[in-house]
Protein backbone atom coordinates (compact mmCIF):
# COMPACT_ATOMS: atom_id res chain seq x y z
CA UNK A 1 18.85 29.63 -26.90
CA UNK A 2 17.32 30.06 -23.42
CA UNK A 3 13.73 29.08 -22.67
CA UNK A 4 12.02 30.03 -19.44
CA UNK A 5 11.10 26.99 -17.34
CA UNK A 6 8.49 28.58 -15.11
CA UNK A 7 9.17 32.00 -13.51
CA UNK A 8 12.58 31.30 -12.05
CA UNK A 9 14.43 28.65 -14.06
CA UNK A 10 15.79 28.45 -17.55
CA UNK A 11 16.30 25.63 -20.01
CA UNK A 12 19.23 25.80 -22.40
CA UNK A 13 18.29 24.72 -25.94
CA UNK A 14 20.56 24.41 -28.96
CA UNK A 15 18.88 24.84 -32.30
CA UNK A 16 19.84 22.34 -34.98
CA UNK A 17 20.43 23.95 -38.38
CA UNK A 18 18.43 22.22 -41.10
CA UNK A 19 17.44 23.05 -44.67
CA UNK A 20 13.93 22.22 -45.90
CA UNK A 21 11.97 22.10 -49.14
CA UNK A 22 8.75 20.58 -50.45
CA UNK A 23 9.20 17.44 -52.46
CA UNK A 24 6.50 15.09 -53.74
CA UNK A 25 3.89 16.53 -51.47
CA UNK A 26 5.99 16.48 -48.30
CA UNK A 27 8.02 19.02 -46.38
CA UNK A 28 11.47 17.39 -46.23
CA UNK A 29 14.34 18.40 -43.95
CA UNK A 30 18.05 17.80 -44.61
CA UNK A 31 21.46 19.00 -43.45
CA UNK A 32 22.25 22.64 -43.78
CA UNK A 33 25.34 23.41 -45.85
CA UNK A 34 27.34 24.64 -42.83
CA UNK A 35 26.63 21.39 -40.97
CA UNK A 36 27.87 19.32 -43.94
CA UNK A 37 31.34 20.72 -43.26
CA UNK A 38 31.17 20.02 -39.53
CA UNK A 39 32.68 17.12 -37.59
CA UNK A 40 31.34 13.56 -38.06
CA UNK A 41 29.72 13.70 -34.65
CA UNK A 42 27.88 16.99 -35.43
CA UNK A 43 26.83 15.66 -38.85
CA UNK A 44 25.44 12.49 -37.29
CA UNK A 45 23.50 14.52 -34.74
CA UNK A 46 22.07 16.80 -37.42
CA UNK A 47 21.11 13.86 -39.58
CA UNK A 48 19.20 12.34 -36.72
CA UNK A 49 17.45 15.65 -36.15
CA UNK A 50 16.42 15.79 -39.81
CA UNK A 51 14.94 12.31 -39.63
CA UNK A 52 13.02 13.25 -36.49
CA UNK A 53 11.78 16.50 -38.01
CA UNK A 54 10.55 14.74 -41.16
CA UNK A 55 8.70 12.13 -39.08
CA UNK A 56 7.09 14.74 -36.84
CA UNK A 57 5.92 16.96 -39.76
CA UNK A 58 4.36 14.05 -41.58
CA UNK A 59 3.00 11.96 -38.71
CA UNK A 60 2.19 14.52 -36.03
CA UNK A 61 1.50 17.73 -37.86
CA UNK A 62 0.11 15.64 -40.80
CA UNK A 63 1.59 18.04 -43.31
CA UNK A 64 1.80 15.85 -46.36
CA UNK A 65 -0.30 15.00 -49.37
CA UNK A 66 -0.15 12.15 -51.87
CA UNK A 67 2.25 12.63 -54.78
CA UNK A 68 -0.72 12.59 -57.14
CA UNK A 69 -2.64 15.32 -55.28
CA UNK A 70 -4.10 18.19 -57.25
CA UNK A 71 -2.80 21.76 -57.09
CA UNK A 72 -5.83 22.69 -55.02
CA UNK A 73 -5.15 19.90 -52.47
CA UNK A 74 -1.49 20.93 -52.21
CA UNK A 75 -2.49 24.55 -51.61
CA UNK A 76 -4.94 23.53 -48.90
CA UNK A 77 -2.19 21.61 -47.08
CA UNK A 78 -0.16 24.81 -46.74
CA UNK A 79 3.03 22.86 -47.17
CA UNK A 80 4.93 25.95 -48.26
CA UNK A 81 4.03 27.71 -45.00
CA UNK A 82 5.25 24.90 -42.76
CA UNK A 83 8.26 25.96 -40.69
CA UNK A 84 9.53 24.02 -37.73
CA UNK A 85 12.50 24.42 -35.44
CA UNK A 86 14.38 21.44 -33.98
CA UNK A 87 16.19 21.89 -30.68
CA UNK A 88 18.50 19.67 -28.71
CA UNK A 89 18.36 19.94 -24.93
CA UNK A 90 21.35 19.41 -22.63
CA UNK A 91 20.66 15.66 -22.51
CA UNK A 92 20.65 15.42 -26.31
CA UNK A 93 16.89 14.92 -26.51
CA UNK A 94 15.38 16.40 -29.65
CA UNK A 95 12.38 18.74 -29.39
CA UNK A 96 10.39 19.98 -32.41
CA UNK A 97 8.12 22.98 -32.32
CA UNK A 98 5.77 24.29 -35.01
CA UNK A 99 3.34 27.05 -33.95
CA UNK A 100 1.55 26.10 -30.69
CA UNK A 101 2.16 27.30 -27.14
CA UNK A 102 0.90 25.69 -23.91
CA UNK A 103 -0.27 28.45 -21.58
CA UNK A 104 -1.50 28.32 -18.03
CA UNK A 105 -3.18 31.39 -16.50
CA UNK A 106 -3.13 32.36 -12.85
CA UNK A 107 -5.89 30.50 -10.98
CA UNK A 108 -9.35 32.06 -11.37
CA UNK A 109 -8.16 34.75 -13.78
CA UNK A 110 -11.19 36.41 -15.28
CA UNK A 111 -12.11 35.29 -18.79
CA UNK A 112 -11.94 38.87 -20.00
CA UNK A 113 -8.36 39.21 -18.83
CA UNK A 114 -7.44 35.91 -20.45
CA UNK A 115 -8.92 37.07 -23.74
CA UNK A 116 -7.19 40.44 -23.50
CA UNK A 117 -3.77 38.78 -23.19
CA UNK A 118 -4.46 36.38 -26.04
CA UNK A 119 -5.67 39.33 -28.22
CA UNK A 120 -2.58 41.35 -27.40
CA UNK A 121 -0.39 38.64 -29.04
CA UNK A 122 -2.91 37.77 -31.74
CA UNK A 123 -3.41 34.25 -30.43
CA UNK A 124 -6.38 31.95 -30.87
CA UNK A 125 -7.30 29.04 -28.66
CA UNK A 126 -6.64 25.64 -30.21
CA UNK A 127 -8.02 23.66 -27.32
CA UNK A 128 -8.66 24.06 -23.57
CA UNK A 129 -7.21 21.53 -21.20
CA UNK A 130 -9.84 19.10 -20.04
CA UNK A 131 -8.08 18.45 -16.75
CA UNK A 132 -6.95 21.96 -15.88
CA UNK A 133 -9.42 24.75 -16.48
CA UNK A 134 -6.78 27.48 -16.35
CA UNK A 135 -4.69 25.90 -19.11
CA UNK A 136 -5.00 25.92 -22.88
CA UNK A 137 -3.07 25.51 -26.20
CA UNK A 138 -2.97 28.61 -28.41
CA UNK A 139 -1.59 29.44 -31.87
CA UNK A 140 -1.03 32.42 -34.07
CA UNK A 141 -3.13 32.17 -37.28
CA UNK A 142 -0.99 34.85 -38.96
CA UNK A 143 2.17 32.75 -38.34
CA UNK A 144 4.05 35.69 -36.82
CA UNK A 145 5.03 33.30 -34.01
CA UNK A 146 6.31 30.14 -35.57
CA UNK A 147 9.32 27.79 -35.13
CA UNK A 148 12.06 29.46 -33.00
CA UNK A 149 9.88 32.58 -32.65
CA UNK A 150 7.59 30.43 -30.51
CA UNK A 151 10.39 30.19 -27.88
CA UNK A 152 10.58 34.00 -27.76
CA UNK A 153 6.79 34.20 -27.45
CA UNK A 154 6.76 31.64 -24.57
CA UNK A 155 9.41 33.59 -22.74
CA UNK A 156 7.52 36.85 -23.07
CA UNK A 157 4.21 35.32 -21.95
CA UNK A 158 5.80 33.70 -18.92
CA UNK A 159 7.08 37.13 -17.78
CA UNK A 160 3.54 38.51 -17.63
CA UNK A 161 1.67 38.64 -14.31
CA UNK A 162 -1.35 36.80 -15.68
CA UNK A 163 0.57 33.68 -16.65
CA UNK A 164 1.95 30.88 -14.46
CA UNK A 165 3.90 29.40 -17.34
CA UNK A 166 4.00 29.39 -21.11
CA UNK A 167 5.93 26.72 -23.03
CA UNK A 168 6.18 25.80 -26.71
CA UNK A 169 4.10 22.74 -27.42
CA UNK A 170 7.12 20.66 -28.28
CA UNK A 171 6.91 17.26 -29.92
CA UNK A 172 9.80 15.54 -28.19
CA UNK A 173 11.59 12.25 -27.81
CA UNK A 174 10.48 10.05 -24.97
CA UNK A 175 12.52 6.98 -24.23
CA UNK A 176 11.22 3.83 -22.62
CA UNK A 177 13.48 2.16 -20.16
CA UNK A 178 17.01 3.24 -19.33
CA UNK A 179 19.25 3.45 -22.36
CA UNK A 180 22.97 3.52 -21.70
CA UNK A 181 24.45 6.59 -23.46
CA UNK A 182 27.75 6.42 -25.24
CA UNK A 183 30.55 8.74 -24.08
CA UNK A 184 33.27 9.95 -26.43
CA UNK A 185 36.32 7.72 -26.84
CA UNK A 186 38.49 10.20 -24.89
CA UNK A 187 36.64 9.27 -21.68
CA UNK A 188 38.47 5.98 -21.37
CA UNK A 189 38.02 6.02 -17.59
CA UNK A 190 34.30 5.42 -17.93
CA UNK A 191 34.90 2.26 -19.96
CA UNK A 192 37.44 1.09 -17.40
CA UNK A 193 34.81 1.15 -14.59
CA UNK A 194 32.10 -0.42 -16.82
CA UNK A 195 29.98 2.73 -16.87
CA UNK A 196 27.65 1.83 -19.77
CA UNK A 197 26.78 -1.50 -18.24
CA UNK A 198 25.94 0.27 -14.95
CA UNK A 199 23.94 2.95 -16.81
CA UNK A 200 21.55 0.34 -18.20
CA UNK A 201 20.29 -0.01 -14.63
CA UNK A 202 21.14 3.22 -12.86
CA UNK A 203 22.25 6.72 -13.91
CA UNK A 204 22.10 8.44 -10.52
CA UNK A 205 18.66 10.05 -10.86
CA UNK A 206 17.34 11.64 -7.68
CA UNK A 207 20.72 11.64 -5.90
CA UNK A 208 22.55 14.87 -5.00
CA UNK A 209 26.34 15.03 -4.97
CA UNK A 210 27.90 18.00 -3.11
CA UNK A 211 31.18 19.11 -4.67
CA UNK A 212 33.17 20.87 -1.94
CA UNK A 213 35.93 22.73 -3.80
CA UNK A 214 36.91 26.11 -5.32
CA UNK A 215 33.56 26.64 -7.08
CA UNK A 216 31.46 25.07 -9.83
CA UNK A 217 30.61 26.78 -13.07
CA UNK A 218 26.84 26.57 -12.77
CA UNK A 219 26.38 28.02 -16.29
CA UNK A 220 28.49 25.45 -18.04
CA UNK A 221 26.29 23.91 -20.74
CA UNK A 222 27.15 20.42 -19.60
CA UNK A 223 26.51 21.08 -15.89
CA UNK A 224 23.69 23.66 -15.80
CA UNK A 225 20.79 21.22 -15.99
CA UNK A 226 22.25 19.04 -13.21
CA UNK A 227 22.86 21.84 -10.72
CA UNK A 228 20.70 21.44 -7.60
CA UNK A 229 18.46 24.49 -7.44
CA UNK A 230 17.14 26.01 -4.19
CA UNK A 231 18.67 23.35 -1.94
CA UNK A 232 17.60 25.13 1.26
CA UNK A 233 13.91 25.89 0.89
CA UNK A 234 13.97 28.00 4.07
CA UNK A 235 16.55 30.38 2.63
CA UNK A 236 15.43 32.21 -0.47
CA UNK A 237 18.97 33.49 -1.23
CA UNK A 238 20.26 29.93 -1.53
CA UNK A 239 19.68 29.46 -5.23
CA UNK A 240 22.30 26.74 -5.99
CA UNK A 241 24.75 26.43 -3.09
CA UNK A 242 27.00 28.65 -1.00
CA UNK A 243 30.53 30.04 -0.67
CA UNK A 244 31.88 29.18 2.75
CA UNK A 245 35.27 30.81 2.08
CA UNK A 246 33.49 33.97 3.01
CA UNK A 247 31.10 34.57 5.94
CA UNK A 248 27.32 34.29 5.75
CA UNK A 249 27.06 38.10 5.88
CA UNK A 250 29.26 38.57 2.88
CA UNK A 251 27.52 39.77 -0.35
CA UNK A 252 28.67 36.73 -2.33
CA UNK A 253 28.12 34.03 0.29
CA UNK A 254 25.31 32.61 -1.87
CA UNK A 255 27.49 32.55 -5.05
CA UNK A 256 29.47 29.26 -5.16
CA UNK A 257 30.89 29.86 -8.66
CA UNK A 258 34.57 30.34 -9.63
CA UNK A 259 35.66 33.89 -8.83
CA UNK A 260 39.43 34.09 -8.48
CA UNK A 261 41.52 34.18 -11.64
CA UNK A 262 45.14 35.22 -12.13
CA UNK A 263 47.52 34.78 -15.05
CA UNK A 264 48.63 32.26 -16.20
CA UNK A 265 44.94 31.23 -16.27
CA UNK A 266 45.54 27.56 -17.05
CA UNK A 267 47.48 26.87 -13.87
CA UNK A 268 46.01 25.80 -10.55
CA UNK A 269 47.85 28.47 -8.62
CA UNK A 270 45.72 31.59 -8.33
CA UNK A 271 42.72 30.20 -10.20
CA UNK A 272 39.33 28.69 -9.32
CA UNK A 273 39.46 26.03 -12.04
CA UNK A 274 39.42 22.76 -10.06
CA UNK A 275 35.87 22.28 -8.82
CA UNK A 276 34.22 22.54 -12.24
CA UNK A 277 36.35 19.58 -13.44
CA UNK A 278 35.44 17.59 -10.33
CA UNK A 279 31.73 18.26 -10.85
CA UNK A 280 32.00 17.10 -14.51
CA UNK A 281 33.72 13.85 -13.57
CA UNK A 282 30.88 13.12 -11.08
CA UNK A 283 27.81 14.26 -13.01
CA UNK A 284 28.27 16.00 -16.34
CA UNK A 285 24.99 15.59 -18.21
CA UNK A 286 26.45 14.20 -21.44
CA UNK A 287 26.24 17.18 -23.85
CA UNK A 288 28.20 16.32 -27.02
CA UNK A 289 29.08 12.93 -25.55
CA UNK A 290 30.99 14.24 -22.50
CA UNK A 291 29.52 12.41 -19.47
CA UNK A 292 30.01 12.25 -15.74
CA UNK A 293 29.83 8.78 -14.22
CA UNK A 294 26.37 9.69 -12.81
CA UNK A 295 24.81 11.73 -15.68
CA UNK A 296 21.37 12.05 -14.03
CA UNK A 297 22.53 12.95 -10.56
CA UNK A 298 22.37 16.54 -9.27
CA UNK A 299 25.35 18.66 -8.25
CA UNK A 300 25.34 20.88 -5.16
CA UNK A 301 28.21 23.45 -5.48
CA UNK A 302 29.79 24.19 -2.08
CA UNK A 303 32.69 26.59 -2.42
CA UNK A 304 35.34 26.39 0.31
CA UNK A 305 38.36 27.77 -1.46
CA UNK A 306 39.33 30.90 -3.37
CA UNK A 307 42.12 29.53 -5.54
CA UNK A 308 45.06 28.69 -3.24
CA UNK A 309 44.26 31.31 -0.58
CA UNK A 310 44.25 29.95 2.96
CA UNK A 311 40.82 28.82 4.19
CA UNK A 312 39.29 28.99 7.65
CA UNK A 313 38.92 25.52 9.13
CA UNK A 314 35.67 26.31 10.90
CA UNK A 315 34.23 27.47 7.58
CA UNK A 316 35.33 24.25 5.90
CA UNK A 317 33.69 22.26 8.71
CA UNK A 318 30.45 24.25 8.33
CA UNK A 319 30.55 23.64 4.61
CA UNK A 320 30.55 19.89 5.35
CA UNK A 321 27.63 20.32 7.77
CA UNK A 322 25.68 22.32 5.18
CA UNK A 323 26.37 19.78 2.42
CA UNK A 324 25.30 16.82 4.57
CA UNK A 325 21.92 18.47 5.11
CA UNK A 326 21.12 19.10 1.47
CA UNK A 327 23.08 16.44 -0.43
CA UNK A 328 23.28 12.60 -0.36
CA UNK A 329 26.96 12.25 -1.09
CA UNK A 330 29.97 14.58 -0.47
CA UNK A 331 32.98 14.70 -2.77
CA UNK A 332 36.19 16.34 -1.38
CA UNK A 333 39.13 16.42 -3.81
CA UNK A 334 41.49 18.03 -1.33
CA UNK A 335 43.48 17.47 1.83
CA UNK A 336 44.65 19.72 4.64
CA UNK A 337 45.64 19.87 8.26
CA UNK A 338 43.80 17.61 10.71
CA UNK A 339 41.10 19.51 12.48
CA UNK A 340 38.77 18.38 15.29
CA UNK A 341 36.07 20.68 13.92
CA UNK A 342 36.27 19.05 10.48
CA UNK A 343 36.51 15.61 12.01
CA UNK A 344 33.30 16.22 14.01
CA UNK A 345 31.61 17.53 10.91
CA UNK A 346 32.51 14.35 9.05
CA UNK A 347 31.07 12.28 11.95
CA UNK A 348 27.91 14.43 12.09
CA UNK A 349 27.29 13.76 8.46
CA UNK A 350 26.22 10.29 9.63
CA UNK A 351 22.91 11.93 10.53
CA UNK A 352 22.34 12.96 6.93
CA UNK A 353 19.91 11.29 4.54
CA UNK A 354 17.39 10.84 7.34
CA UNK A 355 19.90 9.04 9.56
CA UNK A 356 21.30 6.70 6.98
CA UNK A 357 24.36 8.92 6.64
CA UNK A 358 26.09 10.71 3.75
CA UNK A 359 29.08 8.85 2.25
CA UNK A 360 31.99 11.28 2.10
CA UNK A 361 34.67 10.62 -0.47
CA UNK A 362 38.06 12.21 0.15
CA UNK A 363 41.23 12.24 -1.94
CA UNK A 364 44.14 10.41 -0.35
CA UNK A 365 46.50 13.04 -1.76
CA UNK A 366 49.15 13.44 -4.50
CA UNK A 367 52.32 13.60 -2.38
CA UNK A 368 54.10 10.35 -3.39
CA UNK A 369 53.93 9.40 0.28
CA UNK A 370 53.21 6.36 2.40
CA UNK A 371 50.71 8.43 4.40
CA UNK A 372 47.09 9.22 3.53
CA UNK A 373 46.14 12.87 3.88
CA UNK A 374 43.37 14.35 6.01
CA UNK A 375 40.42 14.09 5.92
CA UNK A 376 40.77 10.91 3.83
CA UNK A 377 42.38 9.23 6.88
CA UNK A 378 39.29 9.82 8.99
CA UNK A 379 37.21 6.70 9.75
CA UNK A 380 34.15 8.73 8.69
CA UNK A 381 35.35 9.24 5.13
CA UNK A 382 36.10 6.96 2.19
CA UNK A 383 39.72 7.42 1.09
CA UNK A 384 40.13 7.33 -2.70
CA UNK A 385 43.47 6.78 -4.48
CA UNK A 386 44.29 7.04 -8.17
CA UNK A 387 44.93 4.21 -10.64
CA UNK A 388 46.02 4.65 -14.27
CA UNK A 389 45.01 3.54 -17.75
CA UNK A 390 47.76 0.91 -17.36
CA UNK A 391 45.95 -0.77 -14.54
CA UNK A 392 48.51 0.23 -11.91
CA UNK A 393 48.69 2.70 -9.04
CA UNK A 394 49.53 6.25 -10.05
CA UNK A 395 52.94 6.92 -8.58
CA UNK A 396 51.79 10.17 -6.97
CA UNK A 397 48.84 8.59 -5.12
CA UNK A 398 49.41 8.38 -1.40
CA UNK A 399 49.43 4.96 0.20
CA UNK A 400 48.34 3.65 3.58
CA UNK A 401 45.86 1.54 5.55
CA UNK A 402 43.12 4.16 5.06
CA UNK A 403 42.95 3.74 1.29
CA UNK A 404 39.47 2.32 0.67
CA UNK A 405 39.44 2.07 -3.16
CA UNK A 406 41.20 3.48 -6.20
CA UNK A 407 39.62 4.96 -9.29
CA UNK A 408 41.09 5.57 -12.79
CA UNK A 409 42.85 8.90 -13.24
CA UNK A 410 45.99 10.38 -14.74
CA UNK A 411 49.53 9.07 -14.24
CA UNK A 412 49.75 6.65 -17.08
CA UNK A 413 49.53 7.43 -20.81
CA UNK A 414 46.24 9.33 -20.60
CA UNK A 415 44.59 12.08 -18.60
CA UNK A 416 40.92 12.59 -17.80
CA UNK A 417 38.58 14.33 -20.26
CA UNK A 418 35.94 16.35 -18.46
CA UNK A 419 34.27 19.72 -18.12
CA UNK A 420 36.35 22.89 -17.70
CA UNK A 421 35.44 26.47 -16.74
CA UNK A 422 33.34 27.85 -19.58
CA UNK A 423 34.48 31.46 -19.19
CA UNK A 424 36.62 32.26 -22.26
CA UNK A 425 40.34 32.15 -21.58
CA UNK A 426 39.94 30.57 -18.19
CA UNK A 427 40.48 27.00 -17.07
CA UNK A 428 42.95 24.19 -17.74
CA UNK A 429 42.01 24.57 -21.40
CA UNK A 430 42.03 28.25 -22.38
CA UNK A 431 40.89 27.52 -25.96
CA UNK A 432 43.12 24.85 -27.53
CA UNK A 433 41.84 21.99 -29.67
CA UNK A 434 44.76 19.91 -28.43
CA UNK A 435 43.85 20.53 -24.80
CA UNK A 436 40.27 19.37 -25.13
CA UNK A 437 38.55 21.58 -27.72
CA UNK A 438 38.85 25.08 -29.16
CA UNK A 439 35.73 26.18 -27.34
CA UNK A 440 37.52 25.68 -24.01
CA UNK A 441 34.50 23.90 -22.46
CA UNK A 442 36.45 20.69 -21.73
CA UNK A 443 39.93 19.66 -20.72
CA UNK A 444 41.82 16.44 -21.34
CA UNK A 445 44.54 17.02 -18.73
CA UNK A 446 42.58 16.69 -15.48
CA UNK A 447 43.75 14.02 -13.09
CA UNK A 448 45.24 13.12 -9.75
CA UNK A 449 43.31 11.81 -6.78
CA UNK A 450 41.26 14.98 -7.40
CA UNK A 451 39.67 13.23 -10.38
CA UNK A 452 39.56 9.75 -8.83
CA UNK A 453 37.46 11.04 -5.86
CA UNK A 454 34.44 12.41 -7.75
CA UNK A 455 34.50 9.35 -9.93
CA UNK A 456 34.09 7.12 -6.89
CA UNK A 457 31.50 9.52 -5.46
CA UNK A 458 29.51 9.33 -8.70
CA UNK A 459 29.54 5.57 -8.62
CA UNK A 460 28.10 5.83 -5.11
CA UNK A 461 25.29 7.96 -6.63
CA UNK A 462 24.55 5.12 -9.07
CA UNK A 463 24.46 2.73 -6.11
CA UNK A 464 22.12 4.91 -4.01
CA UNK A 465 19.82 5.55 -7.00
CA UNK A 466 19.53 1.76 -7.33
CA UNK A 467 18.94 1.19 -3.63
CA UNK A 468 18.25 4.30 -1.49
CA UNK A 469 17.86 2.28 1.74
CA UNK A 470 21.64 1.68 2.04
CA UNK A 471 23.51 3.32 4.87
CA UNK A 472 26.81 5.12 4.25
CA UNK A 473 28.66 2.07 5.71
CA UNK A 474 26.71 -0.15 3.26
CA UNK A 475 27.82 2.03 0.35
CA UNK A 476 31.45 1.76 1.48
CA UNK A 477 31.17 -2.00 1.81
CA UNK A 478 29.57 -2.39 -1.61
CA UNK A 479 32.26 -0.35 -3.32
CA UNK A 480 34.99 -2.27 -1.54
CA UNK A 481 33.53 -5.75 -1.97
CA UNK A 482 32.87 -5.24 -5.70
CA UNK A 483 36.16 -3.54 -6.53
CA UNK A 484 38.48 -5.21 -9.04
CA UNK A 485 41.84 -6.24 -7.72
CA UNK A 486 44.44 -4.69 -9.90
CA UNK A 487 48.24 -4.75 -9.62
CA UNK A 488 50.31 -7.57 -8.10
CA UNK A 489 48.34 -10.15 -6.14
CA UNK A 490 50.99 -9.93 -3.43
CA UNK A 491 49.87 -6.35 -2.78
CA UNK A 492 46.73 -7.56 -0.98
CA UNK A 493 46.68 -9.05 2.51
CA UNK A 494 44.57 -11.96 3.76
CA UNK A 495 41.59 -9.63 4.20
CA UNK A 496 41.81 -8.46 0.58
CA UNK A 497 43.22 -5.02 1.43
CA UNK A 498 46.24 -3.27 -0.02
CA UNK A 499 47.89 -0.11 1.30
CA UNK A 500 48.39 0.80 -2.38
CA UNK A 501 45.07 -0.11 -3.95
CA UNK A 502 42.71 -0.32 -1.00
CA UNK A 503 40.27 -3.10 -1.88
CA UNK A 504 40.84 -2.52 -5.56
CA UNK A 505 39.64 -0.37 -8.45
CA UNK A 506 35.98 0.63 -8.42
CA UNK A 507 33.60 -1.21 -10.73
CA UNK A 508 30.38 0.73 -11.36
CA UNK A 509 28.45 -2.18 -12.92
CA UNK A 510 29.31 -4.67 -10.20
CA UNK A 511 28.49 -2.08 -7.50
CA UNK A 512 25.08 -1.34 -8.97
CA UNK A 513 24.30 -5.06 -9.32
CA UNK A 514 25.19 -5.54 -5.64
CA UNK A 515 22.96 -2.69 -4.62
CA UNK A 516 20.06 -4.10 -6.59
CA UNK A 517 20.67 -7.57 -5.14
CA UNK A 518 20.52 -6.17 -1.65
CA UNK A 519 17.30 -4.34 -2.43
CA UNK A 520 15.73 -7.49 -3.86
CA UNK A 521 16.61 -9.52 -0.79
CA UNK A 522 15.31 -6.86 1.54
CA UNK A 523 11.84 -6.91 -0.03
CA UNK A 524 9.18 -8.79 1.93
CA UNK A 525 7.84 -11.72 -0.07
CA UNK A 526 4.28 -13.15 0.44
CA UNK A 527 5.81 -16.61 0.98
CA UNK A 528 7.85 -15.33 3.86
CA UNK A 529 4.73 -14.08 5.60
CA UNK A 530 2.64 -17.23 5.33
CA UNK A 531 4.28 -19.28 8.10
CA UNK A 532 4.05 -16.30 10.44
CA UNK A 533 0.30 -15.95 9.87
CA UNK A 534 -0.35 -19.67 10.49
CA UNK A 535 1.60 -19.63 13.68
CA UNK A 536 -0.36 -16.62 14.90
CA UNK A 537 -3.64 -18.49 14.55
CA UNK A 538 -2.63 -21.43 16.78
CA UNK A 539 -2.65 -19.77 20.18
CA UNK A 540 -3.68 -16.58 21.91
CA UNK A 541 -0.06 -16.24 23.00
CA UNK A 542 1.01 -16.08 19.41
CA UNK A 543 -1.74 -13.54 18.72
CA UNK A 544 -0.32 -11.29 21.40
CA UNK A 545 3.17 -11.78 20.07
CA UNK A 546 1.98 -10.92 16.58
CA UNK A 547 0.46 -7.66 17.87
CA UNK A 548 3.72 -6.73 19.49
CA UNK A 549 5.68 -7.49 16.37
CA UNK A 550 3.51 -7.63 13.23
CA UNK A 551 4.52 -10.18 10.61
CA UNK A 552 5.41 -7.42 8.15
CA UNK A 553 7.92 -5.85 10.49
CA UNK A 554 9.47 -9.17 11.38
CA UNK A 555 9.85 -9.96 7.75
CA UNK A 556 11.44 -6.60 7.09
CA UNK A 557 13.92 -7.19 9.87
CA UNK A 558 14.79 -10.56 8.39
CA UNK A 559 15.09 -8.93 5.02
CA UNK A 560 17.59 -6.43 6.27
CA UNK A 561 19.71 -9.20 7.69
CA UNK A 562 19.59 -11.08 4.40
CA UNK A 563 20.41 -7.92 2.49
CA UNK A 564 23.70 -7.70 4.30
CA UNK A 565 24.48 -11.24 3.20
CA UNK A 566 23.61 -10.38 -0.37
CA UNK A 567 26.52 -7.99 -0.52
CA UNK A 568 29.93 -9.68 -0.41
CA UNK A 569 31.48 -9.07 2.96
CA UNK A 570 34.09 -6.39 2.66
CA UNK A 571 37.23 -6.75 4.64
CA UNK A 572 37.18 -4.43 7.65
CA UNK A 573 40.70 -3.04 7.55
CA UNK A 574 39.42 0.42 6.95
CA UNK A 575 39.43 4.05 6.70
């Protein structure tokens, strides 16, 4: 069910099916018969929703009476008329609605016009907002608009000219602190990189990952809420990214979604089915337990391919330039011919993030070769190879001195479970339970360095969310210095680098801890300032010096030096 989120955006809600009846003076919710036959995961989710609904009805709506209440008291409580709807949003948060809507009118709208609109829908004012004079909570005394009907009412009200927004007055879950979600068991790669431990401290909130590929399914239920909306505020047509395979004057330049499909639809050749999987590995929101490594990061879709059609190098370079202006991290699960235009674009991305630079993660390639592909071989990118569930290098993963790190992917006994194109009959999974689910929303056969790359990029999002002051070189060094050495010890040289594994397999928890440690050291402590202040009092010369370089700045400079020491020094044999 879609709910308007202001005038332009939508929120996807999934209604939880529950049965209800009045028992001993309380409205009680329980599993609906159809849910009782569902999977254990769905039953558990519905059971939790029933518990939440019961608590809300009794504690918030106060719709309960003592078991010994008289018939008159029971009638006054209107228990038989209580109907609520329970929704789950894309993050799995439960939201309960009864019969109230929050409504904000356009500023300074005449009272007569406000009343006319309320009368049109038969609404009465419950309470006016004490902090915002144009806002109020309303309800329908006739109960025409109740439960899920309240969502429809809110949508209709929001579409009127007099209203800024209308939203059901949900009673929702709010969580204190950062709780580590639990992905499904099929996402073994997240356990391998210690995702849940990292998530207790960072989940990538506030960081934007650009996925440069063949398109991202922006309507996928597990990606939609994490899509970066209106990235370029100066360009009203830029709603959620661009298609650089076509020119800026093309009608669909501002549509970065998958477009090219050709039978057989579950094969890479001829189909735009790659980028959606990459986006899911990086930042799927966690619907039904399917997570990206950075579930609270945003995704900026940047389309550069139409299936396997040849792409213009200058357009690919411009796509990188665009992404580095509106994203924090770039993920490139592809390789191609070396191009000076693309190389310069990679270098220019160092000006992104306000001069701190955008880390660019590039796949080393799947050619079984002792040569890293381009642009992963560029010194301005971070080359990512693929390891397996067996803790070894995937045999297809290219090797060479430019390999920075490896990340878990296919090549062993298991593939990667992630999001797939949601259009029916399209994607790696065209509707098979064995391939990832009969609904076709996920696939369990993704892999290659294509999957390893967004996994590493997503870990970088966790790192930057923990410490946004890091430069792109700092991010590279943190990932390298905290990586786990896998494979034979003899694979690594004296500097800790291996042409097969880079500096090792990425470790999300260790990387986040290192980022937080660097942030802690960089902070200016009061104790560090005291000696500076005393020295400044002794002579006029020191006073002049302190004016030229205030104690706070000096301390910050010292903090930055110490921050570098806080992160283990990465070996410099690089990409």
